[in-house]
Amino acid sequence: MLGEAVLAADSRQQAMSRELSGLQSQAQLLKLKSQEVDDVSEGGCACEMAMRTRDDGRRALDEAHALRGELTKRQLLLERQQSKVKAQEQLLAQERMRLIQERQARPSRARPGPGPGPGPASGAGLSVPVGGAERTLGDGAPGSEVVSVDPTVLLWKLRADEDREFLDREAAFIKQLTSSS
């Protein structure tokens, strides 16, 4: 009986040993699965970060497209303004030529001031009396005639020059913006 009891205890011990081995295997498997779950949840955070980064990139791209569109609009407006200034300058040049031709077509009569000789001391080709002072326009070529010009034409010319300077500054600004992006 004692032998049988030892055998029964032995067999129970072997069964418990097998059950312990099975439980250890299951514990190891659970540890592995737990690690996989942790990795997936950490990967989920990485996935969320990747999605946020992608969304940030899309927003930045949309902003860049909007900025480029705005710059394109400004550049088109600037080009239109420059073409208007050029048209004004052409009109001024035509008016100047008309005034010179009109002056040459008039019979020569004595008048005070410089004549067909060298121009005024400032060296300009056209002069306009404005408010008692003489304003000059022209290319400054020696020997050019002094012609009376309507003050509105002079004002027009000055405004065209101011517009051209403004447009040149705007063009440089836009060029700087487009080259830096």
N, C-alpha and C. Protein backbone atom coordinates (compact mmCIF):
# COMPACT_ATOMS: atom_id res chain seq x y z
N MET A 1 0.76 -1.15 0.00
CA MET A 1 0.00 0.00 0.00
C MET A 1 0.83 1.25 0.00
N LEU A 2 1.85 1.10 0.70
CA LEU A 2 2.75 2.23 0.71
C LEU A 2 3.31 2.44 -0.68
N GLY A 3 3.57 1.41 -1.36
CA GLY A 3 4.09 1.49 -2.72
C GLY A 3 3.07 2.12 -3.64
N GLU A 4 1.82 1.72 -3.38
CA GLU A 4 0.79 2.28 -4.23
C GLU A 4 0.62 3.77 -3.92
N ALA A 5 0.72 4.14 -2.67
CA ALA A 5 0.59 5.53 -2.28
C ALA A 5 1.73 6.34 -2.88
N VAL A 6 2.92 5.78 -2.90
CA VAL A 6 4.07 6.48 -3.48
C VAL A 6 3.84 6.61 -4.98
N LEU A 7 3.37 5.57 -5.59
CA LEU A 7 3.11 5.63 -7.03
C LEU A 7 2.02 6.66 -7.33
N ALA A 8 1.00 6.69 -6.53
CA ALA A 8 -0.08 7.65 -6.74
C ALA A 8 0.44 9.07 -6.52
N ALA A 9 1.27 9.24 -5.49
CA ALA A 9 1.85 10.56 -5.23
C ALA A 9 2.78 10.94 -6.37
N ASP A 10 3.53 9.97 -6.83
CA ASP A 10 4.43 10.21 -7.96
C ASP A 10 3.65 10.60 -9.20
N SER A 11 2.60 9.91 -9.46
CA SER A 11 1.81 10.19 -10.65
C SER A 11 1.12 11.55 -10.51
N ARG A 12 0.67 11.89 -9.26
CA ARG A 12 0.10 13.23 -9.06
C ARG A 12 1.17 14.30 -9.25
N GLN A 13 2.36 14.01 -8.76
CA GLN A 13 3.46 14.98 -8.90
C GLN A 13 3.78 15.16 -10.38
N GLN A 14 3.79 14.11 -11.16
CA GLN A 14 4.06 14.22 -12.59
C GLN A 14 2.93 15.00 -13.28
N ALA A 15 1.70 14.75 -12.90
CA ALA A 15 0.57 15.47 -13.48
C ALA A 15 0.65 16.95 -13.12
N MET A 16 1.00 17.21 -11.85
CA MET A 16 1.15 18.61 -11.44
C MET A 16 2.33 19.25 -12.16
N SER A 17 3.37 18.48 -12.35
CA SER A 17 4.53 18.98 -13.07
C SER A 17 4.14 19.32 -14.51
N ARG A 18 3.38 18.44 -15.14
CA ARG A 18 2.92 18.70 -16.52
C ARG A 18 2.00 19.93 -16.53
N GLU A 19 1.11 20.00 -15.52
CA GLU A 19 0.20 21.14 -15.46
C GLU A 19 0.99 22.42 -15.23
N LEU A 20 2.02 22.36 -14.38
CA LEU A 20 2.88 23.52 -14.14
C LEU A 20 3.60 23.93 -15.42
N SER A 21 4.08 22.96 -16.17
CA SER A 21 4.74 23.26 -17.46
C SER A 21 3.76 23.91 -18.41
N GLY A 22 2.55 23.39 -18.47
CA GLY A 22 1.52 23.98 -19.34
C GLY A 22 1.20 25.40 -18.92
N LEU A 23 1.08 25.61 -17.60
CA LEU A 23 0.80 26.95 -17.09
C LEU A 23 1.97 27.91 -17.39
N GLN A 24 3.20 27.41 -17.23
CA GLN A 24 4.37 28.25 -17.56
C GLN A 24 4.37 28.60 -19.05
N SER A 25 4.02 27.66 -19.91
CA SER A 25 3.95 27.93 -21.35
C SER A 25 2.89 28.97 -21.65
N GLN A 26 1.74 28.80 -20.99
CA GLN A 26 0.67 29.77 -21.20
C GLN A 26 1.07 31.14 -20.67
N ALA A 27 1.77 31.18 -19.54
CA ALA A 27 2.24 32.45 -18.99
C ALA A 27 3.22 33.12 -19.95
N GLN A 28 4.12 32.34 -20.51
CA GLN A 28 5.08 32.86 -21.49
C GLN A 28 4.33 33.39 -22.72
N LEU A 29 3.33 32.64 -23.19
CA LEU A 29 2.54 33.05 -24.35
C LEU A 29 1.78 34.34 -24.04
N LEU A 30 1.22 34.43 -22.83
CA LEU A 30 0.52 35.66 -22.42
C LEU A 30 1.48 36.85 -22.36
N LYS A 31 2.70 36.61 -21.87
CA LYS A 31 3.71 37.69 -21.84
C LYS A 31 4.00 38.17 -23.25
N LEU A 32 4.17 37.25 -24.19
CA LEU A 32 4.44 37.61 -25.58
C LEU A 32 3.27 38.40 -26.17
N LYS A 33 2.06 37.92 -25.94
CA LYS A 33 0.87 38.62 -26.45
C LYS A 33 0.75 40.01 -25.82
N SER A 34 1.04 40.10 -24.52
CA SER A 34 1.00 41.38 -23.84
C SER A 34 2.02 42.35 -24.44
N GLN A 35 3.20 41.83 -24.74
CA GLN A 35 4.23 42.66 -25.37
C GLN A 35 3.78 43.13 -26.76
N GLU A 36 3.14 42.24 -27.51
CA GLU A 36 2.63 42.61 -28.83
C GLU A 36 1.57 43.71 -28.71
N VAL A 37 0.68 43.57 -27.73
CA VAL A 37 -0.36 44.58 -27.51
C VAL A 37 0.30 45.92 -27.16
N ASP A 38 1.30 45.89 -26.29
CA ASP A 38 2.01 47.12 -25.93
C ASP A 38 2.67 47.75 -27.15
N ASP A 39 3.30 46.91 -27.97
CA ASP A 39 3.95 47.41 -29.18
C ASP A 39 2.94 48.05 -30.13
N VAL A 40 1.78 47.41 -30.27
CA VAL A 40 0.75 47.95 -31.15
C VAL A 40 0.24 49.28 -30.62
N SER A 41 0.01 49.36 -29.28
CA SER A 41 -0.48 50.63 -28.74
C SER A 41 0.58 51.71 -28.85
N GLU A 42 1.85 51.38 -28.68
CA GLU A 42 2.91 52.37 -28.90
C GLU A 42 2.95 52.74 -30.37
N GLY A 43 2.78 51.75 -31.22
CA GLY A 43 2.73 52.01 -32.67
C GLY A 43 1.53 52.88 -33.00
N GLY A 44 0.45 52.74 -32.25
CA GLY A 44 -0.72 53.59 -32.43
C GLY A 44 -0.38 55.03 -32.16
N CYS A 45 0.43 55.28 -31.14
CA CYS A 45 0.88 56.65 -30.85
C CYS A 45 1.74 57.16 -31.99
N ALA A 46 2.59 56.31 -32.49
CA ALA A 46 3.42 56.71 -33.62
C ALA A 46 2.56 56.96 -34.84
N CYS A 47 1.52 56.16 -34.98
CA CYS A 47 0.61 56.34 -36.09
C CYS A 47 -0.13 57.67 -35.96
N GLU A 48 -0.55 58.00 -34.75
CA GLU A 48 -1.22 59.27 -34.50
C GLU A 48 -0.28 60.43 -34.79
N MET A 49 0.99 60.28 -34.36
CA MET A 49 1.97 61.34 -34.64
C MET A 49 2.18 61.49 -36.13
N ALA A 50 2.22 60.38 -36.83
CA ALA A 50 2.39 60.43 -38.29
C ALA A 50 1.20 61.11 -38.94
N MET A 51 0.01 60.83 -38.45
CA MET A 51 -1.19 61.48 -39.00
C MET A 51 -1.18 62.98 -38.73
N ARG A 52 -0.77 63.37 -37.50
CA ARG A 52 -0.68 64.79 -37.19
C ARG A 52 0.36 65.48 -38.07
N THR A 53 1.49 64.82 -38.25
CA THR A 53 2.54 65.39 -39.08
C THR A 53 2.05 65.54 -40.52
N ARG A 54 1.35 64.53 -41.01
CA ARG A 54 0.81 64.61 -42.36
C ARG A 54 -0.19 65.76 -42.47
N ASP A 55 -1.06 65.90 -41.49
CA ASP A 55 -2.03 67.00 -41.50
C ASP A 55 -1.34 68.35 -41.44
N ASP A 56 -0.30 68.47 -40.61
CA ASP A 56 0.47 69.71 -40.54
C ASP A 56 1.11 70.02 -41.89
N GLY A 57 1.63 69.01 -42.52
CA GLY A 57 2.24 69.19 -43.85
C GLY A 57 1.22 69.65 -44.88
N ARG A 58 0.04 69.07 -44.82
CA ARG A 58 -1.02 69.48 -45.76
C ARG A 58 -1.43 70.93 -45.52
N ARG A 59 -1.56 71.31 -44.24
CA ARG A 59 -1.91 72.69 -43.93
C ARG A 59 -0.83 73.65 -44.43
N ALA A 60 0.43 73.29 -44.21
CA ALA A 60 1.53 74.15 -44.68
C ALA A 60 1.51 74.25 -46.20
N LEU A 61 1.22 73.14 -46.87
CA LEU A 61 1.15 73.16 -48.33
C LEU A 61 0.00 74.04 -48.81
N ASP A 62 -1.14 73.95 -48.14
CA ASP A 62 -2.28 74.80 -48.50
C ASP A 62 -1.93 76.28 -48.30
N GLU A 63 -1.26 76.58 -47.19
CA GLU A 63 -0.84 77.97 -46.94
C GLU A 63 0.13 78.44 -48.02
N ALA A 64 1.05 77.57 -48.43
CA ALA A 64 2.01 77.93 -49.47
C ALA A 64 1.29 78.19 -50.79
N HIS A 65 0.30 77.36 -51.11
CA HIS A 65 -0.48 77.58 -52.34
C HIS A 65 -1.24 78.90 -52.27
N ALA A 66 -1.82 79.19 -51.12
CA ALA A 66 -2.55 80.45 -50.96
C ALA A 66 -1.60 81.64 -51.10
N LEU A 67 -0.42 81.54 -50.50
CA LEU A 67 0.56 82.62 -50.60
C LEU A 67 1.02 82.80 -52.04
N ARG A 68 1.27 81.70 -52.74
CA ARG A 68 1.68 81.78 -54.13
C ARG A 68 0.59 82.43 -54.97
N GLY A 69 -0.68 82.08 -54.70
CA GLY A 69 -1.79 82.70 -55.42
C GLY A 69 -1.86 84.19 -55.17
N GLU A 70 -1.66 84.58 -53.91
CA GLU A 70 -1.67 86.00 -53.57
C GLU A 70 -0.52 86.73 -54.26
N LEU A 71 0.66 86.12 -54.26
CA LEU A 71 1.80 86.73 -54.93
C LEU A 71 1.56 86.85 -56.42
N THR A 72 0.93 85.84 -57.01
CA THR A 72 0.63 85.88 -58.44
C THR A 72 -0.33 87.02 -58.74
N LYS A 73 -1.35 87.18 -57.88
CA LYS A 73 -2.30 88.28 -58.07
C LYS A 73 -1.60 89.62 -57.97
N ARG A 74 -0.74 89.75 -56.96
CA ARG A 74 -0.01 91.02 -56.79
C ARG A 74 0.90 91.30 -57.98
N GLN A 75 1.53 90.24 -58.48
CA GLN A 75 2.42 90.42 -59.61
C GLN A 75 1.64 90.83 -60.86
N LEU A 76 0.47 90.23 -61.09
CA LEU A 76 -0.36 90.62 -62.23
C LEU A 76 -0.81 92.07 -62.09
N LEU A 77 -1.22 92.46 -60.89
CA LEU A 77 -1.62 93.84 -60.65
C LEU A 77 -0.45 94.78 -60.91
N LEU A 78 0.72 94.39 -60.44
CA LEU A 78 1.92 95.20 -60.65
C LEU A 78 2.24 95.34 -62.13
N GLU A 79 2.11 94.25 -62.88
CA GLU A 79 2.38 94.30 -64.32
C GLU A 79 1.37 95.21 -65.02
N ARG A 80 0.11 95.15 -64.60
CA ARG A 80 -0.90 96.05 -65.20
C ARG A 80 -0.56 97.50 -64.90
N GLN A 81 -0.16 97.77 -63.66
CA GLN A 81 0.19 99.14 -63.29
C GLN A 81 1.41 99.60 -64.08
N GLN A 82 2.39 98.71 -64.26
CA GLN A 82 3.57 99.08 -65.04
C GLN A 82 3.19 99.38 -66.48
N SER A 83 2.28 98.60 -67.05
CA SER A 83 1.88 98.87 -68.43
C SER A 83 1.14 100.21 -68.53
N LYS A 84 0.35 100.55 -67.48
CA LYS A 84 -0.31 101.86 -67.47
C LYS A 84 0.72 102.98 -67.42
N VAL A 85 1.75 102.79 -66.59
CA VAL A 85 2.79 103.81 -66.48
C VAL A 85 3.51 103.96 -67.83
N LYS A 86 3.81 102.84 -68.47
CA LYS A 86 4.46 102.92 -69.79
C LYS A 86 3.58 103.65 -70.79
N ALA A 87 2.28 103.37 -70.75
CA ALA A 87 1.35 104.05 -71.66
C ALA A 87 1.35 105.55 -71.37
N GLN A 88 1.36 105.92 -70.08
CA GLN A 88 1.41 107.33 -69.71
C GLN A 88 2.71 107.96 -70.21
N GLU A 89 3.81 107.24 -70.07
CA GLU A 89 5.09 107.78 -70.54
C GLU A 89 5.08 107.96 -72.06
N GLN A 90 4.48 107.02 -72.76
CA GLN A 90 4.38 107.17 -74.21
C GLN A 90 3.53 108.38 -74.58
N LEU A 91 2.42 108.57 -73.85
CA LEU A 91 1.60 109.75 -74.10
C LEU A 91 2.37 111.03 -73.82
N LEU A 92 3.15 111.01 -72.74
CA LEU A 92 3.97 112.18 -72.42
C LEU A 92 5.00 112.45 -73.52
N ALA A 93 5.61 111.40 -74.01
CA ALA A 93 6.60 111.56 -75.08
C ALA A 93 5.93 112.10 -76.34
N GLN A 94 4.75 111.60 -76.65
CA GLN A 94 4.02 112.10 -77.82
C GLN A 94 3.65 113.57 -77.63
N GLU A 95 3.21 113.92 -76.43
CA GLU A 95 2.86 115.31 -76.14
C GLU A 95 4.09 116.20 -76.27
N ARG A 96 5.20 115.70 -75.78
CA ARG A 96 6.44 116.47 -75.88
C ARG A 96 6.82 116.69 -77.34
N MET A 97 6.72 115.63 -78.13
CA MET A 97 7.04 115.76 -79.56
C MET A 97 6.07 116.74 -80.23
N ARG A 98 4.80 116.64 -79.87
CA ARG A 98 3.81 117.56 -80.46
C ARG A 98 4.15 118.99 -80.10
N LEU A 99 4.53 119.23 -78.85
CA LEU A 99 4.88 120.58 -78.42
C LEU A 99 6.14 121.09 -79.13
N ILE A 100 7.10 120.22 -79.31
CA ILE A 100 8.33 120.61 -80.02
C ILE A 100 8.01 120.94 -81.47
N GLN A 101 7.21 120.09 -82.09
CA GLN A 101 6.83 120.36 -83.49
C GLN A 101 6.01 121.63 -83.60
N GLU A 102 5.14 121.85 -82.63
CA GLU A 102 4.33 123.08 -82.62
C GLU A 102 5.24 124.29 -82.48
N ARG A 103 6.21 124.18 -81.64
CA ARG A 103 7.17 125.27 -81.41
C ARG A 103 7.97 125.54 -82.68
N GLN A 104 8.40 124.49 -83.33
CA GLN A 104 9.18 124.66 -84.55
C GLN A 104 8.32 125.20 -85.69
N ALA A 105 7.04 124.87 -85.70
CA ALA A 105 6.15 125.33 -86.76
C ALA A 105 5.80 126.81 -86.60
N ARG A 106 5.84 127.34 -85.40
CA ARG A 106 5.55 128.75 -85.17
C ARG A 106 6.64 129.60 -85.80
N PRO A 107 6.24 130.79 -86.31
CA PRO A 107 7.29 131.67 -86.84
C PRO A 107 8.19 132.14 -85.71
N SER A 108 9.44 132.23 -86.03
CA SER A 108 10.44 132.63 -85.05
C SER A 108 10.23 134.08 -84.69
N ARG A 109 10.12 134.37 -83.42
CA ARG A 109 10.01 135.75 -82.96
C ARG A 109 10.87 135.91 -81.72
N ALA A 110 11.28 137.09 -81.50
CA ALA A 110 12.17 137.34 -80.36
C ALA A 110 11.37 137.21 -79.08
N ARG A 111 11.93 136.50 -78.13
CA ARG A 111 11.30 136.37 -76.82
C ARG A 111 12.40 136.25 -75.79
N PRO A 112 12.10 136.62 -74.58
CA PRO A 112 13.14 136.50 -73.56
C PRO A 112 13.41 135.03 -73.24
N GLY A 113 14.60 134.79 -72.76
CA GLY A 113 14.96 133.43 -72.35
C GLY A 113 15.82 132.77 -73.39
N PRO A 114 16.28 131.62 -73.09
CA PRO A 114 17.17 130.91 -74.00
C PRO A 114 16.45 130.53 -75.28
N GLY A 115 17.16 130.57 -76.34
CA GLY A 115 16.60 130.24 -77.65
C GLY A 115 17.17 128.93 -78.12
N PRO A 116 17.42 128.83 -79.41
CA PRO A 116 17.91 127.58 -79.95
C PRO A 116 19.33 127.25 -79.50
N GLY A 117 19.98 128.13 -78.80
CA GLY A 117 21.33 127.87 -78.32
C GLY A 117 21.31 126.86 -77.19
N PRO A 118 22.35 126.85 -76.38
CA PRO A 118 22.39 125.92 -75.25
C PRO A 118 21.19 126.15 -74.33
N GLY A 119 20.75 125.10 -73.66
CA GLY A 119 19.57 125.15 -72.79
C GLY A 119 19.86 125.94 -71.53
N PRO A 120 18.92 125.97 -70.63
CA PRO A 120 19.11 126.72 -69.39
C PRO A 120 20.25 126.14 -68.56
N ALA A 121 20.58 126.85 -67.53
CA ALA A 121 21.73 126.47 -66.72
C ALA A 121 21.57 125.07 -66.13
N SER A 122 20.34 124.63 -65.93
CA SER A 122 20.14 123.29 -65.37
C SER A 122 20.46 122.21 -66.40
N GLY A 123 20.53 122.56 -67.66
CA GLY A 123 20.91 121.59 -68.70
C GLY A 123 19.72 120.79 -69.20
N ALA A 124 18.50 121.15 -68.89
CA ALA A 124 17.35 120.38 -69.34
C ALA A 124 16.84 120.92 -70.66
N GLY A 125 16.06 120.11 -71.36
CA GLY A 125 15.59 120.48 -72.69
C GLY A 125 14.29 121.23 -72.68
N LEU A 126 13.34 120.93 -71.79
CA LEU A 126 12.05 121.61 -71.75
C LEU A 126 11.92 122.33 -70.43
N SER A 127 11.30 123.52 -70.46
CA SER A 127 11.09 124.21 -69.19
C SER A 127 9.64 124.62 -69.08
N VAL A 128 9.17 124.69 -67.85
CA VAL A 128 7.80 125.07 -67.59
C VAL A 128 7.82 126.10 -66.47
N PRO A 129 7.27 127.30 -66.72
CA PRO A 129 7.18 128.25 -65.62
C PRO A 129 6.06 127.82 -64.68
N VAL A 130 6.39 127.61 -63.42
CA VAL A 130 5.40 127.21 -62.43
C VAL A 130 5.59 128.08 -61.20
N GLY A 131 4.57 128.85 -60.87
CA GLY A 131 4.63 129.69 -59.68
C GLY A 131 5.79 130.65 -59.70
N GLY A 132 6.12 131.21 -60.82
CA GLY A 132 7.21 132.17 -60.92
C GLY A 132 8.57 131.52 -61.05
N ALA A 133 8.68 130.22 -60.85
CA ALA A 133 9.96 129.53 -61.00
C ALA A 133 9.91 128.72 -62.27
N GLU A 134 11.05 128.51 -62.85
CA GLU A 134 11.09 127.76 -64.11
C GLU A 134 11.42 126.31 -63.81
N ARG A 135 10.54 125.40 -64.23
CA ARG A 135 10.76 123.97 -64.10
C ARG A 135 11.22 123.45 -65.45
N THR A 136 12.11 122.49 -65.43
CA THR A 136 12.64 121.98 -66.69
C THR A 136 12.37 120.49 -66.83
N LEU A 137 12.14 120.09 -68.07
CA LEU A 137 11.98 118.69 -68.43
C LEU A 137 12.86 118.42 -69.62
N GLY A 138 13.11 117.19 -69.90
CA GLY A 138 13.83 116.84 -71.12
C GLY A 138 15.03 115.98 -70.83
N ASP A 139 15.76 115.74 -71.90
CA ASP A 139 16.90 114.85 -71.77
C ASP A 139 18.18 115.57 -71.41
N GLY A 140 18.15 116.89 -71.34
CA GLY A 140 19.32 117.65 -70.94
C GLY A 140 20.36 117.78 -72.03
N ALA A 141 19.98 117.49 -73.25
CA ALA A 141 20.94 117.58 -74.35
C ALA A 141 21.26 119.04 -74.61
N PRO A 142 22.54 119.35 -74.79
CA PRO A 142 22.89 120.73 -75.10
C PRO A 142 22.28 121.14 -76.44
N GLY A 143 21.82 122.38 -76.51
CA GLY A 143 21.26 122.89 -77.75
C GLY A 143 19.78 122.59 -77.89
N SER A 144 19.14 121.99 -76.90
CA SER A 144 17.72 121.72 -77.02
C SER A 144 16.95 123.00 -76.71
N GLU A 145 15.76 123.10 -77.27
CA GLU A 145 14.98 124.31 -77.13
C GLU A 145 14.19 124.31 -75.83
N VAL A 146 13.85 125.51 -75.37
CA VAL A 146 13.00 125.65 -74.21
C VAL A 146 11.58 125.83 -74.73
N VAL A 147 10.66 124.99 -74.28
CA VAL A 147 9.29 125.03 -74.76
C VAL A 147 8.38 125.11 -73.54
N SER A 148 7.37 125.94 -73.62
CA SER A 148 6.40 126.03 -72.54
C SER A 148 5.55 124.77 -72.54
N VAL A 149 5.41 124.16 -71.38
CA VAL A 149 4.62 122.94 -71.25
C VAL A 149 3.51 123.20 -70.25
N ASP A 150 2.35 122.67 -70.53
CA ASP A 150 1.21 122.81 -69.65
C ASP A 150 1.57 122.21 -68.28
N PRO A 151 1.29 122.90 -67.19
CA PRO A 151 1.63 122.37 -65.85
C PRO A 151 0.98 121.02 -65.57
N THR A 152 -0.18 120.76 -66.15
CA THR A 152 -0.82 119.45 -65.91
C THR A 152 0.02 118.33 -66.52
N VAL A 153 0.69 118.62 -67.65
CA VAL A 153 1.55 117.61 -68.27
C VAL A 153 2.75 117.35 -67.36
N LEU A 154 3.29 118.42 -66.78
CA LEU A 154 4.40 118.26 -65.85
C LEU A 154 3.98 117.43 -64.65
N LEU A 155 2.81 117.74 -64.09
CA LEU A 155 2.30 116.98 -62.96
C LEU A 155 2.09 115.52 -63.35
N TRP A 156 1.59 115.32 -64.53
CA TRP A 156 1.37 113.96 -65.04
C TRP A 156 2.70 113.19 -65.10
N LYS A 157 3.71 113.86 -65.61
CA LYS A 157 5.04 113.25 -65.73
C LYS A 157 5.60 112.91 -64.34
N LEU A 158 5.47 113.84 -63.40
CA LEU A 158 5.97 113.59 -62.05
C LEU A 158 5.25 112.42 -61.41
N ARG A 159 3.94 112.36 -61.58
CA ARG A 159 3.19 111.23 -61.01
C ARG A 159 3.56 109.92 -61.68
N ALA A 160 3.80 109.96 -62.98
CA ALA A 160 4.22 108.74 -63.67
C ALA A 160 5.57 108.26 -63.14
N ASP A 161 6.48 109.20 -62.88
CA ASP A 161 7.77 108.83 -62.30
C ASP A 161 7.61 108.22 -60.90
N GLU A 162 6.74 108.83 -60.10
CA GLU A 162 6.49 108.28 -58.76
C GLU A 162 5.89 106.88 -58.85
N ASP A 163 4.94 106.71 -59.78
CA ASP A 163 4.32 105.39 -59.98
C ASP A 163 5.36 104.36 -60.39
N ARG A 164 6.25 104.74 -61.28
CA ARG A 164 7.28 103.81 -61.75
C ARG A 164 8.19 103.40 -60.58
N GLU A 165 8.58 104.36 -59.75
CA GLU A 165 9.42 104.04 -58.60
C GLU A 165 8.69 103.07 -57.65
N PHE A 166 7.40 103.33 -57.41
CA PHE A 166 6.62 102.45 -56.55
C PHE A 166 6.55 101.05 -57.14
N LEU A 167 6.28 100.97 -58.42
CA LEU A 167 6.15 99.66 -59.06
C LEU A 167 7.49 98.93 -59.08
N ASP A 168 8.57 99.64 -59.23
CA ASP A 168 9.89 99.00 -59.18
C ASP A 168 10.15 98.43 -57.78
N ARG A 169 9.78 99.19 -56.74
CA ARG A 169 9.95 98.68 -55.38
C ARG A 169 9.07 97.45 -55.14
N GLU A 170 7.84 97.48 -55.62
CA GLU A 170 6.94 96.33 -55.46
C GLU A 170 7.48 95.11 -56.21
N ALA A 171 8.00 95.32 -57.40
CA ALA A 171 8.55 94.21 -58.17
C ALA A 171 9.74 93.59 -57.45
N ALA A 172 10.58 94.42 -56.87
CA ALA A 172 11.73 93.91 -56.11
C ALA A 172 11.26 93.14 -54.88
N PHE A 173 10.23 93.65 -54.22
CA PHE A 173 9.68 92.97 -53.05
C PHE A 173 9.12 91.60 -53.42
N ILE A 174 8.35 91.54 -54.49
CA ILE A 174 7.76 90.27 -54.93
C ILE A 174 8.86 89.31 -55.36
N LYS A 175 9.86 89.81 -56.06
CA LYS A 175 10.96 88.96 -56.48
C LYS A 175 11.67 88.37 -55.26
N GLN A 176 11.87 89.20 -54.23
CA GLN A 176 12.51 88.73 -53.00
C GLN A 176 11.67 87.66 -52.33
N LEU A 177 10.36 87.85 -52.28
CA LEU A 177 9.47 86.87 -51.66
C LEU A 177 9.49 85.54 -52.42
N THR A 178 9.43 85.63 -53.74
CA THR A 178 9.40 84.38 -54.52
C THR A 178 10.74 83.67 -54.51
N SER A 179 11.83 84.42 -54.42
CA SER A 179 13.14 83.75 -54.41
C SER A 179 13.44 83.12 -53.06
N SER A 180 12.87 83.64 -51.98
CA SER A 180 13.14 83.09 -50.65
C SER A 180 12.28 81.87 -50.36
N SER A 181 11.22 81.63 -51.14
CA SER A 181 10.36 80.47 -50.86
C SER A 181 10.64 79.33 -51.76
